[in-house]
C-alpha atoms as a PDB file:
ATOM      1  CA  MET A   1       3.883  -0.325  31.413  1.00  0.00           C
ATOM      2  CA  VAL A   2       4.572   3.393  31.948  1.00  0.00           C
ATOM      3  CA  GLN A   3       5.792   2.707  35.343  1.00  0.00           C
ATOM      4  CA  PRO A   4       9.071   1.612  34.968  1.00  0.00           C
ATOM      5  CA  LEU A   5       9.628   4.352  32.264  1.00  0.00           C
ATOM      6  CA  LEU A   6       8.484   7.017  34.530  1.00  0.00           C
ATOM      7  CA  ASP A   7      10.599   5.528  37.994  1.00  0.00           C
ATOM      8  CA  GLY A   8      13.855   4.909  35.824  1.00  0.00           C
ATOM      9  CA  SER A   9      14.024   8.195  34.084  1.00  0.00           C
ATOM     10  CA  PHE A  10      12.262  10.898  36.346  1.00  0.00           C
ATOM     11  CA  VAL A  11      12.481   9.257  39.965  1.00  0.00           C
ATOM     12  CA  ASN A  12      16.123   7.531  39.790  1.00  0.00           C
ATOM     13  CA  LYS A  13      17.273   9.374  36.944  1.00  0.00           C
ATOM     14  CA  ASP A  14      19.347   6.599  35.555  1.00  0.00           C
ATOM     15  CA  PRO A  15      21.392   8.269  32.722  1.00  0.00           C
ATOM     16  CA  ALA A  16      21.667   4.857  30.766  1.00  0.00           C
ATOM     17  CA  PHE A  17      17.687   4.463  31.131  1.00  0.00           C
ATOM     18  CA  ILE A  18      17.149   8.012  29.804  1.00  0.00           C
ATOM     19  CA  PHE A  19      19.695   7.561  26.815  1.00  0.00           C
ATOM     20  CA  TRP A  20      18.473   4.231  25.878  1.00  0.00           C
ATOM     21  CA  MET A  21      14.651   4.580  26.370  1.00  0.00           C
ATOM     22  CA  PRO A  22      13.796   6.806  23.393  1.00  0.00           C
ATOM     23  CA  VAL A  23      15.698   4.564  21.292  1.00  0.00           C
ATOM     24  CA  LEU A  24      13.822   1.554  22.335  1.00  0.00           C
ATOM     25  CA  LEU A  25      10.608   3.649  22.009  1.00  0.00           C
ATOM     26  CA  THR A  26      11.684   4.704  18.610  1.00  0.00           C
ATOM     27  CA  GLY A  27      12.485   1.073  17.652  1.00  0.00           C
ATOM     28  CA  LEU A  28       9.238  -0.195  19.103  1.00  0.00           C
ATOM     29  CA  CYS A  29       7.165   2.261  16.943  1.00  0.00           C
ATOM     30  CA  LEU A  30       9.232   0.966  13.486  1.00  0.00           C
ATOM     31  CA  VAL A  31       8.400  -2.396  14.541  1.00  0.00           C
ATOM     32  CA  ARG A  32       4.779  -1.449  14.620  1.00  0.00           C
ATOM     33  CA  VAL A  33       4.201   0.781  11.639  1.00  0.00           C
ATOM     34  CA  TRP A  34       6.833  -0.871   9.208  1.00  0.00           C
ATOM     35  CA  PRO A  35       4.843  -4.201   8.861  1.00  0.00           C
ATOM     36  CA  GLY A  36       1.750  -2.048   7.480  1.00  0.00           C
ATOM     37  CA  PHE A  37       3.444  -0.084   5.487  1.00  0.00           C
ATOM     38  CA  TRP A  38       4.549  -3.058   3.539  1.00  0.00           C
ATOM     39  CA  ALA A  39       1.353  -4.620   3.762  1.00  0.00           C
ATOM     40  CA  ALA A  40      -0.297  -1.718   2.009  1.00  0.00           C
ATOM     41  CA  THR A  41       2.271  -1.379  -0.387  1.00  0.00           C
ATOM     42  CA  GLY A  42       2.104  -4.859  -1.483  1.00  0.00           C
ATOM     43  CA  MET A  43      -1.601  -4.675  -1.365  1.00  0.00           C
ATOM     44  CA  ARG A  44      -1.379  -1.437  -4.195  1.00  0.00           C
ATOM     45  CA  TRP A  45       0.763  -3.655  -5.839  1.00  0.00           C
ATOM     46  CA  VAL A  46      -1.171  -6.339  -6.578  1.00  0.00           C
ATOM     47  CA  ALA A  47      -4.337  -4.389  -7.021  1.00  0.00           C
ATOM     48  CA  THR A  48      -2.393  -1.881  -9.690  1.00  0.00           C
ATOM     49  CA  ARG A  49      -1.454  -5.273 -11.324  1.00  0.00           C
ATOM     50  CA  VAL A  50      -4.659  -7.064 -11.455  1.00  0.00           C
ATOM     51  CA  VAL A  51      -5.918  -3.878 -13.385  1.00  0.00           C
ATOM     52  CA  MET A  52      -3.072  -4.297 -15.863  1.00  0.00           C
ATOM     53  CA  ASP A  53      -3.730  -7.621 -16.457  1.00  0.00           C
ATOM     54  CA  ILE A  54      -7.135  -7.057 -17.224  1.00  0.00           C
ATOM     55  CA  ARG A  55      -6.541  -4.162 -19.594  1.00  0.00           C
ATOM     56  CA  ASN A  56      -3.994  -6.159 -21.398  1.00  0.00           C
ATOM     57  CA  ALA A  57      -6.192  -9.089 -21.878  1.00  0.00           C
ATOM     58  CA  MET A  58      -9.197  -6.894 -23.086  1.00  0.00           C
ATOM     59  CA  PHE A  59      -6.716  -4.611 -25.350  1.00  0.00           C
ATOM     60  CA  ASN A  60      -5.525  -8.007 -27.073  1.00  0.00           C
ATOM     61  CA  LYS A  61      -8.906  -9.189 -27.547  1.00  0.00           C
ATOM     62  CA  LEU A  62      -9.938  -6.221 -29.301  1.00  0.00           C
ATOM     63  CA  LEU A  63      -6.824  -6.344 -31.264  1.00  0.00           C
ATOM     64  CA  VAL A  64      -7.689  -9.956 -32.777  1.00  0.00           C
ATOM     65  CA  LEU A  65     -11.494  -9.104 -33.426  1.00  0.00           C
ATOM     66  CA  PRO A  66     -12.221  -9.012 -37.328  1.00  0.00           C
ATOM     67  CA  THR A  67     -12.766  -5.547 -38.542  1.00  0.00           C
ATOM     68  CA  ARG A  68     -16.746  -6.511 -39.811  1.00  0.00           C
ATOM     69  CA  ARG A  69     -17.241  -6.327 -35.935  1.00  0.00           C
ATOM     70  CA  PHE A  70     -16.534  -2.770 -35.758  1.00  0.00           C
ATOM     71  CA  ASP A  71     -18.558  -2.081 -39.021  1.00  0.00           C
ATOM     72  CA  ASP A  72     -21.585  -3.468 -37.479  1.00  0.00           C
ATOM     73  CA  ILE A  73     -21.716  -1.244 -34.560  1.00  0.00           C
ATOM     74  CA  SER A  74     -22.850   2.248 -35.062  1.00  0.00           C
ATOM     75  CA  ALA A  75     -20.309   4.998 -33.450  1.00  0.00           C
ATOM     76  CA  ALA A  76     -23.435   6.893 -32.393  1.00  0.00           C
ATOM     77  CA  LEU A  77     -24.243   3.529 -29.851  1.00  0.00           C
ATOM     78  CA  CYS A  78     -21.019   4.043 -28.839  1.00  0.00           C
ATOM     79  CA  CYS A  79     -20.488   7.783 -27.956  1.00  0.00           C
ATOM     80  CA  PRO A  80     -23.764   9.075 -27.594  1.00  0.00           C
ATOM     81  CA  ASN A  81     -23.484  13.196 -27.883  1.00  0.00           C
END
């Protein structure tokens, strides 16, 4: 795969090949990197969203508990010094 690159640019000194090769290599790198970036970004968004949903569900559950539930639990058990 490197042979045409070396022959076209260094041996034959083709100006068109010399011009387009960096553009093609940059494009190839972008094509390989871009999906990985979006996959990582998507996974990070999903993970953040799952944690936020769990926190919201837990908070909503705590809001509807009767006050007697909180009176029964000693503060010393929740937060020991």
